[in-house]
N, C-alpha and C. Protein backbone atom coordinates (compact mmCIF):
# COMPACT_ATOMS: atom_id res chain seq x y z
N MET A 1 -21.34 -187.06 -25.45
CA MET A 1 -21.69 -188.00 -26.47
C MET A 1 -21.47 -189.17 -25.60
N PHE A 2 -22.53 -189.96 -26.09
CA PHE A 2 -23.16 -191.17 -25.56
C PHE A 2 -22.58 -192.52 -26.42
N LEU A 3 -21.46 -193.73 -26.04
CA LEU A 3 -21.24 -193.99 -26.54
C LEU A 3 -21.46 -195.26 -25.52
N GLY A 4 -21.19 -196.67 -25.70
CA GLY A 4 -21.60 -197.63 -25.49
C GLY A 4 -22.69 -198.50 -25.66
N GLU A 5 -22.66 -200.15 -24.82
CA GLU A 5 -23.96 -200.94 -24.91
C GLU A 5 -24.46 -201.12 -23.35
N TYR A 6 -25.27 -201.15 -23.21
CA TYR A 6 -26.31 -201.68 -21.68
C TYR A 6 -26.85 -201.96 -22.10
N VAL A 7 -27.06 -203.57 -20.84
CA VAL A 7 -28.66 -203.97 -20.94
C VAL A 7 -28.99 -203.13 -19.46
N SER A 8 -30.62 -203.77 -19.81
CA SER A 8 -31.19 -203.04 -18.49
C SER A 8 -33.00 -203.78 -18.13
N GLN A 9 -33.59 -203.16 -17.96
CA GLN A 9 -34.94 -204.24 -18.17
C GLN A 9 -36.10 -203.32 -17.40
N MET A 10 -36.98 -203.16 -17.79
CA MET A 10 -38.05 -202.29 -17.69
C MET A 10 -38.30 -202.41 -16.10
N ASP A 11 -39.29 -201.33 -15.62
CA ASP A 11 -39.38 -201.17 -13.98
C ASP A 11 -39.65 -202.43 -14.01
N LYS A 12 -40.06 -203.16 -13.29
CA LYS A 12 -40.74 -204.20 -12.94
C LYS A 12 -42.20 -203.92 -12.05
N ASP A 13 -41.68 -202.81 -11.51
CA ASP A 13 -42.86 -202.19 -10.34
C ASP A 13 -43.67 -200.63 -11.01
N LYS A 14 -43.56 -200.67 -11.95
CA LYS A 14 -43.83 -199.84 -12.51
C LYS A 14 -43.90 -200.01 -14.30
N ARG A 15 -45.24 -200.08 -14.56
CA ARG A 15 -45.21 -200.62 -15.74
C ARG A 15 -44.44 -200.09 -17.54
N ASN A 16 -44.65 -198.91 -17.46
CA ASN A 16 -43.85 -198.39 -18.49
C ASN A 16 -42.76 -196.88 -18.11
N THR A 17 -42.09 -198.16 -17.18
CA THR A 17 -41.05 -196.93 -16.99
C THR A 17 -39.84 -197.36 -16.90
N LEU A 18 -38.62 -196.77 -17.79
CA LEU A 18 -37.32 -197.52 -17.88
C LEU A 18 -36.15 -196.95 -17.02
N ILE A 19 -34.99 -197.42 -16.83
CA ILE A 19 -34.28 -197.17 -16.07
C ILE A 19 -33.06 -196.90 -16.79
N ILE A 20 -32.57 -195.80 -17.23
CA ILE A 20 -31.77 -195.12 -17.82
C ILE A 20 -30.12 -195.47 -17.63
N PRO A 21 -29.27 -196.40 -17.76
CA PRO A 21 -27.88 -196.28 -17.60
C PRO A 21 -27.09 -195.28 -16.78
N ALA A 22 -26.10 -195.50 -15.34
CA ALA A 22 -25.74 -194.40 -14.92
C ALA A 22 -24.77 -193.81 -15.66
N GLU A 23 -24.62 -195.06 -16.83
CA GLU A 23 -23.03 -194.08 -17.46
C GLU A 23 -23.80 -192.66 -18.75
N PHE A 24 -25.36 -192.88 -18.85
CA PHE A 24 -25.59 -191.78 -19.29
C PHE A 24 -26.42 -190.35 -18.80
N ARG A 25 -26.67 -191.06 -17.43
CA ARG A 25 -27.58 -190.01 -16.79
C ARG A 25 -26.67 -188.64 -17.27
N GLY A 26 -25.38 -188.30 -16.94
CA GLY A 26 -24.68 -187.27 -16.14
C GLY A 26 -25.01 -186.29 -18.08
N GLU A 27 -24.13 -186.82 -18.89
CA GLU A 27 -24.53 -186.10 -20.55
C GLU A 27 -26.41 -185.97 -20.57
N LEU A 28 -27.12 -186.99 -20.13
CA LEU A 28 -28.88 -186.27 -20.31
C LEU A 28 -29.16 -185.72 -19.65
N GLY A 29 -28.76 -185.33 -18.08
CA GLY A 29 -29.16 -184.58 -17.62
C GLY A 29 -30.74 -185.15 -17.11
N ARG A 30 -31.48 -184.28 -16.04
CA ARG A 30 -33.09 -184.29 -16.03
C ARG A 30 -34.26 -184.61 -17.08
N GLU A 31 -33.76 -183.61 -18.08
CA GLU A 31 -35.06 -183.96 -19.28
C GLU A 31 -35.05 -184.04 -20.44
N GLY A 32 -35.45 -184.65 -21.51
CA GLY A 32 -34.68 -185.16 -22.69
C GLY A 32 -35.99 -184.99 -23.21
N PHE A 33 -35.78 -185.93 -24.79
CA PHE A 33 -36.48 -186.33 -25.16
C PHE A 33 -36.73 -187.05 -26.21
N ILE A 34 -38.05 -187.93 -26.06
CA ILE A 34 -38.39 -189.55 -26.65
C ILE A 34 -38.93 -189.75 -28.04
N ALA A 35 -38.46 -190.15 -28.68
CA ALA A 35 -39.29 -190.56 -30.09
C ALA A 35 -38.61 -192.27 -30.81
N LYS A 36 -39.80 -192.28 -31.55
CA LYS A 36 -40.09 -193.47 -32.12
C LYS A 36 -38.44 -193.54 -33.46
N GLY A 37 -38.15 -194.92 -33.52
CA GLY A 37 -37.04 -194.95 -34.40
C GLY A 37 -37.08 -194.98 -35.15
N VAL A 38 -37.04 -195.48 -36.26
CA VAL A 38 -37.33 -195.37 -37.96
C VAL A 38 -37.36 -197.33 -38.00
N ASP A 39 -36.43 -198.00 -37.15
CA ASP A 39 -36.44 -199.10 -37.59
C ASP A 39 -36.84 -199.67 -35.82
N ASN A 40 -38.04 -199.41 -35.26
CA ASN A 40 -38.91 -200.44 -34.08
C ASN A 40 -37.87 -200.27 -33.42
N TYR A 41 -37.38 -198.89 -32.92
CA TYR A 41 -36.59 -198.68 -31.56
C TYR A 41 -37.15 -197.44 -31.29
N LEU A 42 -36.71 -196.74 -30.07
CA LEU A 42 -37.10 -195.82 -29.26
C LEU A 42 -35.49 -194.83 -29.30
N CYS A 43 -35.23 -193.32 -29.16
CA CYS A 43 -34.62 -192.67 -29.32
C CYS A 43 -34.62 -191.18 -27.94
N ILE A 44 -33.63 -191.32 -27.61
CA ILE A 44 -34.09 -190.40 -26.62
C ILE A 44 -32.85 -189.33 -26.80
N TYR A 45 -33.08 -188.03 -26.68
CA TYR A 45 -32.32 -187.06 -27.09
C TYR A 45 -32.20 -185.88 -25.71
N PRO A 46 -30.90 -185.47 -25.54
CA PRO A 46 -30.56 -184.30 -24.60
C PRO A 46 -31.78 -183.49 -25.44
N GLU A 47 -32.07 -182.23 -24.82
CA GLU A 47 -32.95 -181.31 -24.92
C GLU A 47 -32.04 -180.57 -26.16
N LYS A 48 -30.91 -180.15 -26.17
CA LYS A 48 -30.11 -179.14 -26.84
C LYS A 48 -29.79 -179.60 -28.34
N GLU A 49 -29.80 -181.38 -28.36
CA GLU A 49 -29.60 -182.11 -29.72
C GLU A 49 -30.84 -182.50 -29.83
N TRP A 50 -32.03 -182.11 -29.13
CA TRP A 50 -33.52 -182.29 -30.07
C TRP A 50 -33.81 -181.29 -30.43
N GLU A 51 -33.53 -179.90 -29.89
CA GLU A 51 -33.79 -178.36 -30.63
C GLU A 51 -32.79 -178.64 -32.34
N LYS A 52 -31.90 -178.98 -32.28
CA LYS A 52 -30.54 -179.26 -33.06
C LYS A 52 -31.55 -179.98 -34.51
N LEU A 53 -31.61 -180.79 -33.84
CA LEU A 53 -32.52 -181.89 -34.85
C LEU A 53 -33.51 -181.42 -35.69
N ILE A 54 -34.76 -180.19 -34.64
CA ILE A 54 -35.74 -179.45 -35.60
C ILE A 54 -35.31 -178.78 -36.24
N GLU A 55 -34.41 -178.36 -35.77
CA GLU A 55 -33.68 -177.13 -36.77
C GLU A 55 -33.41 -177.82 -38.49
N LYS A 56 -32.62 -178.93 -38.66
CA LYS A 56 -32.54 -179.57 -39.19
C LYS A 56 -33.64 -180.21 -40.03
N TRP A 57 -34.91 -180.57 -39.38
CA TRP A 57 -36.24 -180.99 -39.74
C TRP A 57 -36.64 -180.22 -40.99
N LYS A 58 -36.16 -178.68 -39.95
CA LYS A 58 -37.08 -177.00 -40.77
C LYS A 58 -36.74 -177.13 -42.00
N GLN A 59 -35.44 -177.91 -42.27
CA GLN A 59 -34.60 -177.29 -43.74
C GLN A 59 -35.18 -178.24 -44.93
N LEU A 60 -35.83 -179.23 -44.02
CA LEU A 60 -36.51 -180.33 -45.42
C LEU A 60 -37.48 -179.52 -46.01
N PRO A 61 -37.81 -179.77 -47.71
CA PRO A 61 -38.58 -179.02 -48.18
C PRO A 61 -40.01 -180.07 -48.18
N LEU A 62 -40.73 -179.52 -47.13
CA LEU A 62 -42.21 -179.29 -46.94
C LEU A 62 -43.02 -180.33 -48.12
N GLU A 63 -43.18 -179.79 -49.48
CA GLU A 63 -43.81 -179.69 -50.22
C GLU A 63 -43.93 -181.29 -51.06
N GLY A 64 -42.67 -182.39 -50.78
CA GLY A 64 -42.50 -183.38 -51.01
C GLY A 64 -43.50 -184.69 -49.80
N ILE A 65 -44.05 -184.88 -50.54
CA ILE A 65 -45.17 -185.86 -49.08
C ILE A 65 -44.15 -187.13 -48.50
N LYS A 66 -43.02 -187.07 -49.09
CA LYS A 66 -42.11 -188.25 -47.94
C LYS A 66 -41.72 -187.64 -46.91
N TYR A 67 -41.19 -186.21 -47.49
CA TYR A 67 -40.97 -185.25 -46.08
C TYR A 67 -41.90 -185.04 -45.32
N ARG A 68 -43.02 -184.69 -45.55
CA ARG A 68 -44.17 -184.67 -44.85
C ARG A 68 -44.57 -185.52 -44.10
N LYS A 69 -44.60 -187.02 -44.40
CA LYS A 69 -45.03 -188.29 -43.59
C LYS A 69 -43.94 -188.16 -42.82
N PHE A 70 -42.87 -188.36 -42.70
CA PHE A 70 -41.64 -188.41 -42.54
C PHE A 70 -41.86 -187.28 -41.09
N TRP A 71 -41.87 -186.40 -41.32
CA TRP A 71 -41.94 -185.08 -40.12
C TRP A 71 -42.84 -185.57 -39.51
N ARG A 72 -44.17 -186.23 -39.73
CA ARG A 72 -45.47 -186.41 -39.05
C ARG A 72 -45.23 -187.19 -38.04
N ALA A 73 -44.59 -188.13 -38.71
CA ALA A 73 -44.38 -189.32 -37.61
C ALA A 73 -43.62 -189.28 -37.03
N ILE A 74 -42.52 -188.62 -37.16
CA ILE A 74 -41.23 -188.40 -35.97
C ILE A 74 -41.78 -187.61 -34.92
N SER A 75 -42.30 -186.45 -35.60
CA SER A 75 -43.18 -185.44 -34.19
C SER A 75 -44.26 -185.73 -32.83
N SER A 76 -45.28 -186.34 -33.81
CA SER A 76 -46.00 -186.66 -33.34
C SER A 76 -46.14 -188.08 -32.22
N GLY A 77 -45.07 -188.66 -32.73
CA GLY A 77 -44.88 -189.84 -31.75
C GLY A 77 -43.76 -189.74 -31.16
N ALA A 78 -43.16 -188.08 -30.55
CA ALA A 78 -42.68 -187.74 -30.00
C ALA A 78 -42.44 -187.08 -28.53
N THR A 79 -42.09 -187.24 -27.35
CA THR A 79 -42.58 -186.47 -26.17
C THR A 79 -41.45 -186.45 -25.54
N GLU A 80 -41.48 -184.99 -24.44
CA GLU A 80 -40.91 -184.73 -23.54
C GLU A 80 -40.43 -185.95 -21.98
N ILE A 81 -39.67 -186.02 -21.74
CA ILE A 81 -39.32 -187.02 -20.75
C ILE A 81 -38.40 -186.15 -19.39
N MET A 82 -39.21 -186.81 -17.91
CA MET A 82 -38.86 -185.94 -17.11
C MET A 82 -37.71 -187.54 -16.46
N ILE A 83 -36.79 -187.01 -16.11
CA ILE A 83 -35.52 -188.42 -15.62
C ILE A 83 -35.51 -188.00 -14.43
N SER A 84 -35.80 -189.07 -13.16
CA SER A 84 -35.70 -189.29 -11.87
C SER A 84 -33.79 -188.65 -11.36
N GLY A 85 -33.93 -188.60 -10.58
CA GLY A 85 -32.43 -189.18 -9.53
C GLY A 85 -31.69 -190.61 -10.01
N GLU A 86 -32.22 -191.24 -9.99
CA GLU A 86 -32.32 -192.98 -9.94
C GLU A 86 -32.46 -193.54 -11.43
N GLY A 87 -32.70 -192.40 -12.15
CA GLY A 87 -32.78 -192.68 -13.91
C GLY A 87 -33.89 -193.07 -14.25
N ARG A 88 -34.84 -192.85 -14.09
CA ARG A 88 -36.08 -193.59 -14.13
C ARG A 88 -36.69 -192.65 -14.96
N CYS A 89 -37.59 -193.14 -16.11
CA CYS A 89 -38.61 -191.96 -16.96
C CYS A 89 -39.59 -192.66 -17.37
N PHE A 90 -40.67 -192.35 -17.41
CA PHE A 90 -41.81 -192.94 -18.14
C PHE A 90 -41.69 -192.75 -19.34
N ILE A 91 -42.55 -193.43 -20.38
CA ILE A 91 -42.86 -193.54 -21.42
C ILE A 91 -43.86 -194.17 -21.98
N PRO A 92 -44.93 -193.82 -22.73
CA PRO A 92 -46.01 -193.69 -23.27
C PRO A 92 -46.08 -195.28 -23.39
N ARG A 93 -47.07 -195.55 -23.47
CA ARG A 93 -47.53 -197.26 -23.92
C ARG A 93 -46.86 -197.37 -25.45
N TYR A 94 -47.35 -196.13 -26.29
CA TYR A 94 -47.83 -195.98 -27.63
C TYR A 94 -45.86 -196.37 -28.18
N LEU A 95 -45.26 -195.98 -27.23
CA LEU A 95 -43.81 -195.43 -27.58
C LEU A 95 -43.39 -197.18 -26.90
N LYS A 96 -43.66 -198.06 -26.53
CA LYS A 96 -43.18 -199.24 -25.76
C LYS A 96 -43.61 -199.79 -27.01
N GLU A 97 -44.70 -199.99 -27.58
CA GLU A 97 -45.63 -200.93 -28.22
C GLU A 97 -44.41 -200.50 -29.41
N HIS A 98 -44.61 -199.29 -29.87
CA HIS A 98 -43.54 -199.15 -31.32
C HIS A 98 -42.07 -200.06 -31.06
N ALA A 99 -41.66 -199.88 -29.64
CA ALA A 99 -40.44 -200.99 -30.20
C ALA A 99 -40.61 -202.40 -29.33
N ASN A 100 -41.81 -202.96 -29.44
CA ASN A 100 -41.74 -204.11 -28.80
C ASN A 100 -41.16 -204.01 -26.87
N LEU A 101 -40.88 -203.51 -26.37
CA LEU A 101 -39.82 -203.63 -25.25
C LEU A 101 -40.53 -205.07 -24.64
N GLN A 102 -40.22 -205.58 -23.86
CA GLN A 102 -40.49 -206.43 -23.31
C GLN A 102 -39.61 -206.45 -21.58
N ASN A 103 -39.18 -207.24 -21.30
CA ASN A 103 -38.66 -207.60 -20.11
C ASN A 103 -37.12 -206.49 -20.26
N GLU A 104 -36.01 -207.29 -20.91
CA GLU A 104 -35.02 -206.55 -21.48
C GLU A 104 -34.69 -205.84 -22.37
N ILE A 105 -33.83 -205.10 -21.71
CA ILE A 105 -33.63 -203.76 -23.37
C ILE A 105 -32.34 -203.52 -23.11
N VAL A 106 -31.97 -202.91 -24.25
CA VAL A 106 -30.02 -202.39 -24.26
C VAL A 106 -30.10 -201.04 -24.83
N PHE A 107 -29.99 -200.58 -23.76
CA PHE A 107 -29.60 -198.93 -24.70
C PHE A 107 -28.35 -198.54 -25.39
N LEU A 108 -27.98 -198.05 -26.15
CA LEU A 108 -26.75 -197.66 -27.62
C LEU A 108 -26.91 -196.69 -27.38
N GLY A 109 -25.54 -195.76 -26.97
CA GLY A 109 -24.59 -194.69 -27.14
C GLY A 109 -25.14 -194.61 -28.74
N CYS A 110 -25.31 -193.54 -29.42
CA CYS A 110 -25.01 -193.20 -30.60
C CYS A 110 -24.44 -191.32 -30.80
N ASN A 111 -23.47 -191.16 -30.19
CA ASN A 111 -22.73 -190.22 -30.15
C ASN A 111 -24.32 -188.81 -29.58
N GLU A 112 -24.57 -188.48 -30.27
CA GLU A 112 -26.11 -187.47 -29.68
C GLU A 112 -27.07 -187.85 -28.77
N TYR A 113 -26.75 -189.36 -28.96
CA TYR A 113 -28.52 -189.56 -28.67
C TYR A 113 -28.25 -190.88 -28.29
N ILE A 114 -29.21 -191.47 -27.81
CA ILE A 114 -29.48 -192.83 -27.41
C ILE A 114 -30.54 -193.50 -27.44
N GLU A 115 -30.03 -194.81 -28.10
CA GLU A 115 -31.02 -196.03 -28.65
C GLU A 115 -31.53 -196.98 -27.68
N ILE A 116 -32.48 -197.49 -28.02
CA ILE A 116 -33.10 -198.04 -26.55
C ILE A 116 -33.90 -199.07 -27.73
N TRP A 117 -33.47 -200.82 -27.64
CA TRP A 117 -33.87 -201.75 -28.20
C TRP A 117 -34.41 -202.53 -27.32
N ASP A 118 -35.48 -203.69 -27.96
CA ASP A 118 -35.52 -204.63 -26.93
C ASP A 118 -34.27 -205.39 -27.14
N LYS A 119 -33.94 -206.39 -26.09
CA LYS A 119 -32.49 -207.21 -26.35
C LYS A 119 -32.92 -208.22 -27.64
N ARG A 120 -33.67 -208.96 -27.15
CA ARG A 120 -33.76 -209.96 -29.03
C ARG A 120 -33.85 -209.43 -29.77
N ARG A 121 -34.57 -208.53 -30.16
CA ARG A 121 -34.31 -207.71 -31.84
C ARG A 121 -33.28 -206.92 -31.84
N TRP A 122 -32.53 -206.41 -30.95
CA TRP A 122 -31.09 -205.84 -31.02
C TRP A 122 -30.31 -207.24 -31.70
N GLU A 123 -30.15 -208.12 -30.63
CA GLU A 123 -29.38 -209.25 -30.74
C GLU A 123 -29.48 -209.29 -32.23
N LYS A 124 -30.86 -210.12 -32.32
CA LYS A 124 -30.84 -210.03 -34.13
C LYS A 124 -30.40 -208.96 -35.43
N GLU A 125 -30.80 -208.09 -34.84
CA GLU A 125 -29.72 -206.68 -35.69
C GLU A 125 -28.42 -207.19 -36.05
N GLU A 126 -27.95 -206.72 -34.67
CA GLU A 126 -26.37 -207.01 -34.37
C GLU A 126 -25.91 -208.15 -35.10
N LYS A 127 -26.37 -209.13 -35.24
CA LYS A 127 -26.14 -210.61 -36.21
C LYS A 127 -26.18 -210.18 -37.53
N GLU A 128 -26.89 -209.35 -38.24
CA GLU A 128 -27.78 -208.87 -39.58
C GLU A 128 -26.26 -207.90 -39.81
N ILE A 129 -25.78 -207.33 -38.86
CA ILE A 129 -24.65 -205.68 -39.10
C ILE A 129 -23.60 -206.41 -39.50
N PHE A 130 -23.15 -207.37 -38.69
CA PHE A 130 -21.80 -208.16 -38.33
C PHE A 130 -21.67 -209.42 -39.08
N TYR A 131 -22.57 -209.82 -39.46
CA TYR A 131 -22.63 -211.69 -39.44
C TYR A 131 -23.74 -211.39 -40.87
N LYS A 132 -23.52 -210.52 -41.61
CA LYS A 132 -24.69 -210.46 -42.87
C LYS A 132 -24.12 -211.74 -43.64
N GLY A 133 -24.37 -212.65 -44.38
CA GLY A 133 -24.27 -213.93 -45.14
C GLY A 133 -22.81 -214.89 -44.60
N GLY A 134 -23.57 -215.18 -43.52
CA GLY A 134 -22.54 -216.09 -42.59
C GLY A 134 -21.22 -215.80 -42.11
N GLY A 135 -21.36 -214.60 -41.93
CA GLY A 135 -19.74 -214.13 -41.38
C GLY A 135 -18.51 -214.12 -42.72
N LYS A 136 -19.30 -214.52 -44.02
CA LYS A 136 -18.32 -214.12 -45.33
C LYS A 136 -17.85 -212.83 -45.56
């Protein structure tokens, strides 16, 4: 299970390389899948969780155009990743751009998977979640 929030940085020496926090590496292992998130973030799934997700998606009624579009958008943007012993993994440029990842990034443990947000976007999102309406 992935829990917690960790701030990290894009690897400065390698343009599209993330360094996954040590707290997530044991559960994640050396391989996984990375995909676009619905709200301009990225998701990393361990292989077993990705396979479960695919099985759930196969149950969706593909005759509905919104399901086909969803399936197409998620699966076409996903890719397998290899994670080094130091936690580094390369992500394609289109995924980095989708999440608008700059220098500082936030890894969020979301039980079965990990979300990756640009730090400034996450701070804004978090304020909206917890303090919507001025904290009333």
